[in-house]
Amino acid sequence: QVPLVESGGGVVQAGGSLRLSCAASGRTFSTSVMGWFRQVPGKEREFVGGISWNGGSLYYTDSVKGRFTISRDNAKNTVYLQMNSLKPEDTAVYYCAADSARGRTIGTMTWQYNYWGQGTQVTVSS
């Protein structure tokens, strides 16, 4: 099992930065692909980015490329989402997710992840 707990959300002005953390428990974290998703009310949860089990592969959705960076520390069972140059349209609940079952490909769909955190709110004011 990979129970996940996000932290680091909050309110920030446009152009500012936040770093989200996702702490995992369980021995399968270090072999899991980790993803970050976000969701606003009335819309589907969307993929933000993902990182392979060893950090060697990264993939981001176009809207965050160059602004967001995902990293992981397997010794601490933690994955991070560094968000810079934030925009009001980045406002959402952010979720981390773990894919412990499918192998090493970074998935972009919610059904490809089998563990989810509870989410943390990020609000970017203009």
Foldseek 3Di string as FASTA:
>chain_A
DWAKAKDWADEEAAQAKTKMKIATDDDLLLQWKKFKWWDDPPDDIWTAKIAWSPRPDIDGDPVQPPFWDWDDDVVRRMIMIIGGNDDQVVWTWMKMFIQRDDGTDDDGDPVNTDYIYPTDTHGYHD
